[in-house]
PDB file of N, CA and C in Angstrom:
ATOM      1  N   UNK A   1     137.777 124.677  77.637  1.00  0.00           N
ATOM      2  CA  UNK A   1     138.093 124.219  76.026  1.00  0.00           C
ATOM      3  C   UNK A   1     136.481 124.637  76.013  1.00  0.00           C
ATOM      4  N   UNK A   2     136.301 123.559  76.499  1.00  0.00           N
ATOM      5  CA  UNK A   2     134.494 124.546  76.324  1.00  0.00           C
ATOM      6  C   UNK A   2     133.488 125.677  77.570  1.00  0.00           C
ATOM      7  N   UNK A   3     133.042 126.169  76.143  1.00  0.00           N
ATOM      8  CA  UNK A   3     132.578 127.595  76.481  1.00  0.00           C
ATOM      9  C   UNK A   3     131.842 127.949  76.244  1.00  0.00           C
ATOM     10  N   UNK A   4     130.067 128.185  76.608  1.00  0.00           N
ATOM     11  CA  UNK A   4     129.024 127.961  76.453  1.00  0.00           C
ATOM     12  C   UNK A   4     128.645 129.476  75.373  1.00  0.00           C
ATOM     13  N   UNK A   5     129.991 129.982  75.161  1.00  0.00           N
ATOM     14  CA  UNK A   5     129.603 131.165  74.306  1.00  0.00           C
ATOM     15  C   UNK A   5     130.096 131.058  73.079  1.00  0.00           C
ATOM     16  N   UNK A   6     130.801 130.206  72.772  1.00  0.00           N
ATOM     17  CA  UNK A   6     131.098 129.765  71.727  1.00  0.00           C
ATOM     18  C   UNK A   6     130.480 128.817  70.784  1.00  0.00           C
ATOM     19  N   UNK A   7     128.747 129.119  71.496  1.00  0.00           N
ATOM     20  CA  UNK A   7     127.411 128.448  70.895  1.00  0.00           C
ATOM     21  C   UNK A   7     127.289 129.769  69.801  1.00  0.00           C
ATOM     22  N   UNK A   8     127.760 130.740  70.705  1.00  0.00           N
ATOM     23  CA  UNK A   8     127.891 132.411  69.595  1.00  0.00           C
ATOM     24  C   UNK A   8     128.331 131.902  68.101  1.00  0.00           C
ATOM     25  N   UNK A   9     128.920 130.842  67.907  1.00  0.00           N
ATOM     26  CA  UNK A   9     129.214 131.151  66.273  1.00  0.00           C
ATOM     27  C   UNK A   9     128.381 129.956  65.636  1.00  0.00           C
ATOM     28  N   UNK A  10     127.434 129.547  66.078  1.00  0.00           N
ATOM     29  CA  UNK A  10     126.102 128.615  65.003  1.00  0.00           C
ATOM     30  C   UNK A  10     126.140 129.210  64.367  1.00  0.00           C
ATOM     31  N   UNK A  11     126.446 131.044  64.691  1.00  0.00           N
ATOM     32  CA  UNK A  11     125.432 131.482  63.697  1.00  0.00           C
ATOM     33  C   UNK A  11     126.416 131.432  62.819  1.00  0.00           C
ATOM     34  N   UNK A  12     128.099 131.632  62.518  1.00  0.00           N
ATOM     35  CA  UNK A  12     129.304 131.546  61.213  1.00  0.00           C
ATOM     36  C   UNK A  12     129.087 130.451  60.905  1.00  0.00           C
ATOM     37  N   UNK A  13     128.753 129.419  62.235  1.00  0.00           N
ATOM     38  CA  UNK A  13     128.917 127.826  61.225  1.00  0.00           C
ATOM     39  C   UNK A  13     127.962 127.607  60.139  1.00  0.00           C
ATOM     40  N   UNK A  14     126.407 127.962  59.946  1.00  0.00           N
ATOM     41  CA  UNK A  14     125.121 128.191  59.679  1.00  0.00           C
ATOM     42  C   UNK A  14     125.235 129.001  58.154  1.00  0.00           C
ATOM     43  N   UNK A  15     126.415 130.355  58.507  1.00  0.00           N
ATOM     44  CA  UNK A  15     127.116 131.062  56.943  1.00  0.00           C
ATOM     45  C   UNK A  15     127.269 130.601  55.876  1.00  0.00           C
ATOM     46  N   UNK A  16     128.500 129.420  56.885  1.00  0.00           N
ATOM     47  CA  UNK A  16     128.874 128.732  56.573  1.00  0.00           C
ATOM     48  C   UNK A  16     129.366 128.329  55.030  1.00  0.00           C
ATOM     49  N   UNK A  17     128.054 126.542  55.866  1.00  0.00           N
ATOM     50  CA  UNK A  17     127.190 125.989  55.147  1.00  0.00           C
ATOM     51  C   UNK A  17     126.396 125.883  55.508  1.00  0.00           C
ATOM     52  N   UNK A  18     124.816 127.381  54.837  1.00  0.00           N
ATOM     53  CA  UNK A  18     123.536 127.288  54.817  1.00  0.00           C
ATOM     54  C   UNK A  18     122.740 125.988  54.743  1.00  0.00           C
ATOM     55  N   UNK A  19     123.360 125.559  53.441  1.00  0.00           N
ATOM     56  CA  UNK A  19     121.533 124.941  53.095  1.00  0.00           C
ATOM     57  C   UNK A  19     122.517 123.077  53.674  1.00  0.00           C
ATOM     58  N   UNK A  20     123.258 122.293  54.050  1.00  0.00           N
ATOM     59  CA  UNK A  20     123.516 122.184  55.946  1.00  0.00           C
ATOM     60  C   UNK A  20     122.943 121.793  56.614  1.00  0.00           C
ATOM     61  N   UNK A  21     123.353 123.190  56.954  1.00  0.00           N
ATOM     62  CA  UNK A  21     122.841 124.476  58.287  1.00  0.00           C
ATOM     63  C   UNK A  21     121.500 124.305  58.450  1.00  0.00           C
ATOM     64  N   UNK A  22     120.681 124.918  57.433  1.00  0.00           N
ATOM     65  CA  UNK A  22     119.244 124.424  58.093  1.00  0.00           C
ATOM     66  C   UNK A  22     118.765 123.234  57.714  1.00  0.00           C
ATOM     67  N   UNK A  23     119.086 122.375  57.214  1.00  0.00           N
ATOM     68  CA  UNK A  23     118.253 120.519  57.323  1.00  0.00           C
ATOM     69  C   UNK A  23     119.017 120.673  58.394  1.00  0.00           C
ATOM     70  N   UNK A  24     119.923 120.642  59.559  1.00  0.00           N
ATOM     71  CA  UNK A  24     120.441 120.331  60.609  1.00  0.00           C
ATOM     72  C   UNK A  24     119.239 120.970  61.738  1.00  0.00           C
ATOM     73  N   UNK A  25     119.385 122.467  61.629  1.00  0.00           N
ATOM     74  CA  UNK A  25     118.120 122.949  62.342  1.00  0.00           C
ATOM     75  C   UNK A  25     116.471 122.303  62.508  1.00  0.00           C
ATOM     76  N   UNK A  26     116.157 122.418  61.058  1.00  0.00           N
ATOM     77  CA  UNK A  26     114.833 121.896  60.698  1.00  0.00           C
ATOM     78  C   UNK A  26     114.822 120.256  61.578  1.00  0.00           C
ATOM     79  N   UNK A  27     115.894 118.970  60.974  1.00  0.00           N
ATOM     80  CA  UNK A  27     116.209 118.466  61.864  1.00  0.00           C
ATOM     81  C   UNK A  27     115.274 117.899  63.018  1.00  0.00           C
ATOM     82  N   UNK A  28     116.680 118.250  64.102  1.00  0.00           N
ATOM     83  CA  UNK A  28     116.550 119.030  65.232  1.00  0.00           C
ATOM     84  C   UNK A  28     115.067 119.483  65.596  1.00  0.00           C
ATOM     85  N   UNK A  29     114.886 120.460  64.999  1.00  0.00           N
ATOM     86  CA  UNK A  29     113.673 120.725  65.438  1.00  0.00           C
ATOM     87  C   UNK A  29     112.443 120.231  65.500  1.00  0.00           C
ATOM     88  N   UNK A  30     112.287 118.935  64.296  1.00  0.00           N
ATOM     89  CA  UNK A  30     111.255 117.770  63.987  1.00  0.00           C
ATOM     90  C   UNK A  30     111.614 116.958  65.086  1.00  0.00           C
ATOM     91  N   UNK A  31     112.579 117.023  65.242  1.00  0.00           N
ATOM     92  CA  UNK A  31     112.882 115.179  66.410  1.00  0.00           C
ATOM     93  C   UNK A  31     112.027 115.902  67.587  1.00  0.00           C
ATOM     94  N   UNK A  32     112.137 116.886  67.938  1.00  0.00           N
ATOM     95  CA  UNK A  32     111.680 117.709  69.188  1.00  0.00           C
ATOM     96  C   UNK A  32     110.302 118.018  69.392  1.00  0.00           C
ATOM     97  N   UNK A  33     109.512 118.445  68.231  1.00  0.00           N
ATOM     98  CA  UNK A  33     108.189 118.976  67.924  1.00  0.00           C
ATOM     99  C   UNK A  33     107.400 117.736  67.937  1.00  0.00           C
ATOM    100  N   UNK A  34     106.123 117.449  68.345  1.00  0.00           N
ATOM    101  CA  UNK A  34     105.630 116.428  67.936  1.00  0.00           C
ATOM    102  C   UNK A  34     105.775 115.758  69.025  1.00  0.00           C
ATOM    103  N   UNK A  35     104.933 114.366  67.341  1.00  0.00           N
ATOM    104  CA  UNK A  35     104.599 113.058  67.920  1.00  0.00           C
ATOM    105  C   UNK A  35     104.551 112.533  69.202  1.00  0.00           C
ATOM    106  N   UNK A  36     104.382 111.408  69.541  1.00  0.00           N
ATOM    107  CA  UNK A  36     103.815 110.735  70.521  1.00  0.00           C
ATOM    108  C   UNK A  36     104.446 110.676  71.727  1.00  0.00           C
ATOM    109  N   UNK A  37     106.190 110.912  72.219  1.00  0.00           N
ATOM    110  CA  UNK A  37     106.467 111.534  73.422  1.00  0.00           C
ATOM    111  C   UNK A  37     106.690 112.487  73.297  1.00  0.00           C
ATOM    112  N   UNK A  38     106.129 112.443  75.139  1.00  0.00           N
ATOM    113  CA  UNK A  38     106.034 114.541  75.399  1.00  0.00           C
ATOM    114  C   UNK A  38     107.531 114.832  76.102  1.00  0.00           C
ATOM    115  N   UNK A  39     107.537 115.904  75.423  1.00  0.00           N
ATOM    116  CA  UNK A  39     108.958 116.813  75.694  1.00  0.00           C
ATOM    117  C   UNK A  39     109.394 116.499  76.258  1.00  0.00           C
ATOM    118  N   UNK A  40     108.980 116.401  77.842  1.00  0.00           N
ATOM    119  CA  UNK A  40     109.741 116.176  79.098  1.00  0.00           C
ATOM    120  C   UNK A  40     110.626 114.262  78.889  1.00  0.00           C
ATOM    121  N   UNK A  41     110.011 113.665  77.824  1.00  0.00           N
ATOM    122  CA  UNK A  41     110.771 112.343  78.316  1.00  0.00           C
ATOM    123  C   UNK A  41     111.355 112.409  76.957  1.00  0.00           C
ATOM    124  N   UNK A  42     111.308 113.240  75.850  1.00  0.00           N
ATOM    125  CA  UNK A  42     112.549 113.332  75.125  1.00  0.00           C
ATOM    126  C   UNK A  42     113.581 113.928  75.114  1.00  0.00           C
ATOM    127  N   UNK A  43     113.442 114.761  76.266  1.00  0.00           N
ATOM    128  CA  UNK A  43     114.286 115.813  77.070  1.00  0.00           C
ATOM    129  C   UNK A  43     115.780 115.086  78.094  1.00  0.00           C
ATOM    130  N   UNK A  44     114.623 113.960  78.360  1.00  0.00           N
ATOM    131  CA  UNK A  44     115.073 112.616  78.889  1.00  0.00           C
ATOM    132  C   UNK A  44     116.505 112.237  78.376  1.00  0.00           C
ATOM    133  N   UNK A  45     115.528 111.978  77.221  1.00  0.00           N
ATOM    134  CA  UNK A  45     116.672 111.041  76.535  1.00  0.00           C
ATOM    135  C   UNK A  45     117.643 111.355  76.368  1.00  0.00           C
ATOM    136  N   UNK A  46     117.615 112.915  75.569  1.00  0.00           N
ATOM    137  CA  UNK A  46     118.286 113.869  75.350  1.00  0.00           C
ATOM    138  C   UNK A  46     119.956 114.042  76.314  1.00  0.00           C
ATOM    139  N   UNK A  47     119.475 113.981  77.604  1.00  0.00           N
ATOM    140  CA  UNK A  47     120.380 114.090  78.714  1.00  0.00           C
ATOM    141  C   UNK A  47     121.072 112.958  78.464  1.00  0.00           C
ATOM    142  N   UNK A  48     120.015 111.729  78.672  1.00  0.00           N
ATOM    143  CA  UNK A  48     121.218 110.055  78.442  1.00  0.00           C
ATOM    144  C   UNK A  48     122.192 110.326  77.484  1.00  0.00           C
ATOM    145  N   UNK A  49     121.831 110.660  76.878  1.00  0.00           N
ATOM    146  CA  UNK A  49     122.569 110.849  75.305  1.00  0.00           C
ATOM    147  C   UNK A  49     123.426 111.858  74.933  1.00  0.00           C
ATOM    148  N   UNK A  50     123.938 112.734  75.520  1.00  0.00           N
ATOM    149  CA  UNK A  50     124.490 113.502  75.845  1.00  0.00           C
ATOM    150  C   UNK A  50     125.540 113.371  76.802  1.00  0.00           C
ATOM    151  N   UNK A  51     125.150 112.711  77.987  1.00  0.00           N
ATOM    152  CA  UNK A  51     125.714 111.721  78.737  1.00  0.00           C
ATOM    153  C   UNK A  51     126.705 110.916  78.294  1.00  0.00           C
ATOM    154  N   UNK A  52     126.226 110.332  77.439  1.00  0.00           N
ATOM    155  CA  UNK A  52     126.895 109.330  76.763  1.00  0.00           C
ATOM    156  C   UNK A  52     128.054 109.442  75.368  1.00  0.00           C
ATOM    157  N   UNK A  53     127.815 110.485  74.933  1.00  0.00           N
ATOM    158  CA  UNK A  53     128.837 111.746  74.478  1.00  0.00           C
ATOM    159  C   UNK A  53     129.074 111.872  74.510  1.00  0.00           C
ATOM    160  N   UNK A  54     128.857 112.952  75.972  1.00  0.00           N
ATOM    161  CA  UNK A  54     129.805 113.138  76.768  1.00  0.00           C
ATOM    162  C   UNK A  54     130.158 114.784  75.598  1.00  0.00           C
ATOM    163  N   UNK A  55     128.918 114.909  75.736  1.00  0.00           N
ATOM    164  CA  UNK A  55     129.157 116.830  75.159  1.00  0.00           C
ATOM    165  C   UNK A  55     128.489 117.520  76.607  1.00  0.00           C
ATOM    166  N   UNK A  56     129.448 118.660  76.443  1.00  0.00           N
ATOM    167  CA  UNK A  56     128.575 119.334  77.396  1.00  0.00           C
ATOM    168  C   UNK A  56     128.229 120.305  77.112  1.00  0.00           C
ATOM    169  N   UNK A  57     128.066 120.451  76.463  1.00  0.00           N
ATOM    170  CA  UNK A  57     126.832 121.670  75.948  1.00  0.00           C
ATOM    171  C   UNK A  57     125.422 121.241  75.808  1.00  0.00           C
ATOM    172  N   UNK A  58     125.367 119.618  75.217  1.00  0.00           N
ATOM    173  CA  UNK A  58     124.134 119.197  75.084  1.00  0.00           C
ATOM    174  C   UNK A  58     124.120 118.539  76.254  1.00  0.00           C
ATOM    175  N   UNK A  59     124.518 118.660  77.319  1.00  0.00           N
ATOM    176  CA  UNK A  59     124.479 118.384  79.046  1.00  0.00           C
ATOM    177  C   UNK A  59     123.414 119.812  78.680  1.00  0.00           C
ATOM    178  N   UNK A  60     123.912 120.386  78.918  1.00  0.00           N
ATOM    179  CA  UNK A  60     123.848 122.192  80.008  1.00  0.00           C
ATOM    180  C   UNK A  60     122.298 122.244  78.916  1.00  0.00           C
ATOM    181  N   UNK A  61     122.374 122.156  77.229  1.00  0.00           N
ATOM    182  CA  UNK A  61     120.770 122.604  77.251  1.00  0.00           C
ATOM    183  C   UNK A  61     120.216 121.804  77.276  1.00  0.00           C
ATOM    184  N   UNK A  62     119.762 120.127  77.314  1.00  0.00           N
ATOM    185  CA  UNK A  62     119.207 119.593  77.575  1.00  0.00           C
ATOM    186  C   UNK A  62     118.737 119.325  78.599  1.00  0.00           C
ATOM    187  N   UNK A  63     119.629 119.581  79.836  1.00  0.00           N
ATOM    188  CA  UNK A  63     119.406 119.002  81.076  1.00  0.00           C
ATOM    189  C   UNK A  63     118.130 120.664  81.091  1.00  0.00           C
ATOM    190  N   UNK A  64     118.971 121.768  81.554  1.00  0.00           N
ATOM    191  CA  UNK A  64     117.791 123.270  80.862  1.00  0.00           C
ATOM    192  C   UNK A  64     116.643 122.812  80.728  1.00  0.00           C
ATOM    193  N   UNK A  65     116.220 121.918  79.893  1.00  0.00           N
ATOM    194  CA  UNK A  65     114.839 122.247  78.376  1.00  0.00           C
ATOM    195  C   UNK A  65     114.496 121.673  79.402  1.00  0.00           C
ATOM    196  N   UNK A  66     115.535 120.056  79.757  1.00  0.00           N
ATOM    197  CA  UNK A  66     114.140 118.666  80.555  1.00  0.00           C
ATOM    198  C   UNK A  66     113.381 118.997  82.029  1.00  0.00           C
ATOM    199  N   UNK A  67     114.113 120.898  82.756  1.00  0.00           N
ATOM    200  CA  UNK A  67     113.672 121.153  83.642  1.00  0.00           C
ATOM    201  C   UNK A  67     112.632 121.966  83.372  1.00  0.00           C
ATOM    202  N   UNK A  68     112.960 122.640  82.039  1.00  0.00           N
ATOM    203  CA  UNK A  68     111.929 123.958  81.731  1.00  0.00           C
ATOM    204  C   UNK A  68     110.221 122.414  81.538  1.00  0.00           C
ATOM    205  N   UNK A  69     110.696 121.612  81.102  1.00  0.00           N
ATOM    206  CA  UNK A  69     109.583 120.551  80.555  1.00  0.00           C
ATOM    207  C   UNK A  69     109.001 119.827  81.774  1.00  0.00           C
ATOM    208  N   UNK A  70     109.610 120.707  83.163  1.00  0.00           N
ATOM    209  CA  UNK A  70     108.654 120.140  84.101  1.00  0.00           C
ATOM    210  C   UNK A  70     109.647 118.338  84.653  1.00  0.00           C
ATOM    211  N   UNK A  71     110.655 117.980  84.674  1.00  0.00           N
ATOM    212  CA  UNK A  71     111.324 116.941  84.796  1.00  0.00           C
ATOM    213  C   UNK A  71     112.269 116.979  85.793  1.00  0.00           C
ATOM    214  N   UNK A  72     111.824 116.321  87.512  1.00  0.00           N
ATOM    215  CA  UNK A  72     112.328 115.956  88.484  1.00  0.00           C
ATOM    216  C   UNK A  72     114.242 116.654  88.305  1.00  0.00           C
ATOM    217  N   UNK A  73     114.696 116.493  89.052  1.00  0.00           N
ATOM    218  CA  UNK A  73     116.552 116.264  89.333  1.00  0.00           C
ATOM    219  C   UNK A  73     115.981 114.770  89.713  1.00  0.00           C
ATOM    220  N   UNK A  74     114.936 114.171  90.823  1.00  0.00           N
ATOM    221  CA  UNK A  74     115.311 112.498  90.790  1.00  0.00           C
ATOM    222  C   UNK A  74     115.128 112.205  88.919  1.00  0.00           C
ATOM    223  N   UNK A  75     114.521 112.807  88.335  1.00  0.00           N
ATOM    224  CA  UNK A  75     114.023 111.990  86.809  1.00  0.00           C
ATOM    225  C   UNK A  75     115.854 112.941  85.815  1.00  0.00           C
ATOM    226  N   UNK A  76     116.243 113.511  85.712  1.00  0.00           N
ATOM    227  CA  UNK A  76     117.297 113.765  85.905  1.00  0.00           C
ATOM    228  C   UNK A  76     118.670 112.662  86.522  1.00  0.00           C
ATOM    229  N   UNK A  77     118.005 112.336  87.162  1.00  0.00           N
ATOM    230  CA  UNK A  77     119.256 111.582  88.077  1.00  0.00           C
ATOM    231  C   UNK A  77     119.307 110.449  87.697  1.00  0.00           C
ATOM    232  N   UNK A  78     118.053 109.783  87.728  1.00  0.00           N
ATOM    233  CA  UNK A  78     117.760 108.127  87.263  1.00  0.00           C
ATOM    234  C   UNK A  78     118.314 108.719  85.909  1.00  0.00           C
ATOM    235  N   UNK A  79     117.473 109.171  84.613  1.00  0.00           N
ATOM    236  CA  UNK A  79     118.611 109.282  83.518  1.00  0.00           C
ATOM    237  C   UNK A  79     119.490 109.174  83.469  1.00  0.00           C
ATOM    238  N   UNK A  80     120.844 109.943  84.009  1.00  0.00           N
ATOM    239  CA  UNK A  80     121.960 109.646  84.158  1.00  0.00           C
ATOM    240  C   UNK A  80     122.376 108.705  85.009  1.00  0.00           C
ATOM    241  N   UNK A  81     121.533 107.585  85.248  1.00  0.00           N
ATOM    242  CA  UNK A  81     122.271 106.376  85.811  1.00  0.00           C
ATOM    243  C   UNK A  81     121.764 104.934  85.067  1.00  0.00           C
ATOM    244  N   UNK A  82     121.221 105.752  84.568  1.00  0.00           N
ATOM    245  CA  UNK A  82     120.647 104.002  83.362  1.00  0.00           C
ATOM    246  C   UNK A  82     121.310 104.344  82.003  1.00  0.00           C
ATOM    247  N   UNK A  83     121.983 106.091  81.657  1.00  0.00           N
ATOM    248  CA  UNK A  83     122.638 105.957  80.636  1.00  0.00           C
ATOM    249  C   UNK A  83     123.832 105.332  80.590  1.00  0.00           C
ATOM    250  N   UNK A  84     125.142 105.930  82.354  1.00  0.00           N
ATOM    251  CA  UNK A  84     126.024 104.818  83.088  1.00  0.00           C
ATOM    252  C   UNK A  84     125.839 103.586  82.505  1.00  0.00           C
ATOM    253  N   UNK A  85     124.131 103.272  82.973  1.00  0.00           N
ATOM    254  CA  UNK A  85     124.412 101.555  82.972  1.00  0.00           C
ATOM    255  C   UNK A  85     124.991 100.780  81.990  1.00  0.00           C
ATOM    256  N   UNK A  86     124.171 101.999  80.379  1.00  0.00           N
ATOM    257  CA  UNK A  86     124.239 101.618  79.232  1.00  0.00           C
ATOM    258  C   UNK A  86     125.635 101.820  78.607  1.00  0.00           C
ATOM    259  N   UNK A  87     125.976 102.889  79.111  1.00  0.00           N
ATOM    260  CA  UNK A  87     127.657 102.963  78.172  1.00  0.00           C
ATOM    261  C   UNK A  87     128.571 101.546  79.818  1.00  0.00           C
ATOM    262  N   UNK A  88     127.935 101.445  80.873  1.00  0.00           N
ATOM    263  CA  UNK A  88     128.751 100.281  81.429  1.00  0.00           C
ATOM    264  C   UNK A  88     128.845  99.081  80.669  1.00  0.00           C
ATOM    265  N   UNK A  89     126.771  99.055  79.906  1.00  0.00           N
ATOM    266  CA  UNK A  89     127.303  97.358  79.381  1.00  0.00           C
ATOM    267  C   UNK A  89     127.349  96.685  78.169  1.00  0.00           C
ATOM    268  N   UNK A  90     128.145  98.337  77.528  1.00  0.00           N
ATOM    269  CA  UNK A  90     128.086  98.191  76.757  1.00  0.00           C
ATOM    270  C   UNK A  90     130.272  98.178  76.404  1.00  0.00           C
ATOM    271  N   UNK A  91     130.592  99.013  77.425  1.00  0.00           N
ATOM    272  CA  UNK A  91     131.650  97.984  77.429  1.00  0.00           C
ATOM    273  C   UNK A  91     132.571  96.637  77.723  1.00  0.00           C
ATOM    274  N   UNK A  92     131.224  95.792  78.411  1.00  0.00           N
ATOM    275  CA  UNK A  92     131.485  94.335  78.623  1.00  0.00           C
ATOM    276  C   UNK A  92     131.190  93.572  78.151  1.00  0.00           C
ATOM    277  N   UNK A  93     129.987  94.577  76.732  1.00  0.00           N
ATOM    278  CA  UNK A  93     129.927  93.158  75.603  1.00  0.00           C
ATOM    279  C   UNK A  93     131.136  93.610  74.528  1.00  0.00           C
ATOM    280  N   UNK A  94     131.486  94.673  74.552  1.00  0.00           N
ATOM    281  CA  UNK A  94     132.456  95.012  72.932  1.00  0.00           C
ATOM    282  C   UNK A  94     133.432  94.527  74.482  1.00  0.00           C
ATOM    283  N   UNK A  95     133.965  94.028  75.351  1.00  0.00           N
ATOM    284  CA  UNK A  95     134.796  93.673  75.673  1.00  0.00           C
ATOM    285  C   UNK A  95     135.619  92.245  75.740  1.00  0.00           C
ATOM    286  N   UNK A  96     133.729  91.694  75.064  1.00  0.00           N
ATOM    287  CA  UNK A  96     134.013  89.803  74.844  1.00  0.00           C
ATOM    288  C   UNK A  96     133.741  89.964  74.022  1.00  0.00           C
ATOM    289  N   UNK A  97     134.713  91.259  73.012  1.00  0.00           N
ATOM    290  CA  UNK A  97     135.725  90.674  71.369  1.00  0.00           C
ATOM    291  C   UNK A  97     137.272  90.811  72.112  1.00  0.00           C
ATOM    292  N   UNK A  98     138.471  90.603  72.939  1.00  0.00           N
ATOM    293  CA  UNK A  98     138.799  91.349  73.457  1.00  0.00           C
ATOM    294  C   UNK A  98     139.660  89.836  74.093  1.00  0.00           C
ATOM    295  N   UNK A  99     138.478  88.883  74.769  1.00  0.00           N
ATOM    296  CA  UNK A  99     138.370  87.825  75.080  1.00  0.00           C
ATOM    297  C   UNK A  99     139.028  86.712  74.126  1.00  0.00           C
ATOM    298  N   UNK A 100     139.617  85.622  73.982  1.00  0.00           N
ATOM    299  CA  UNK A 100     140.325  84.870  72.590  1.00  0.00           C
ATOM    300  C   UNK A 100     139.525  83.650  73.058  1.00  0.00           C
TER     301      UNK A 100
END
């Protein structure tokens, strides 16, 4: 189902909804450019979020960008475990609602 080649469809999506797509691209760019958080850490955060949202495209893209920004395999592994801990913690706290 997931094939990185499908990202070529972004151009079609942009053509079908140009204003919204331009807004998304500008927002995405602004989130990663500049600011006080170094790019490496932004990309590590993006990897962790992508792991929790389970988006294979985002995982692939942001893991590569994190490495390009200087993140080591150990840092990516640690970000993975942080994401897993948060996801597990959310299951625990949501589970409290199941208790009567």
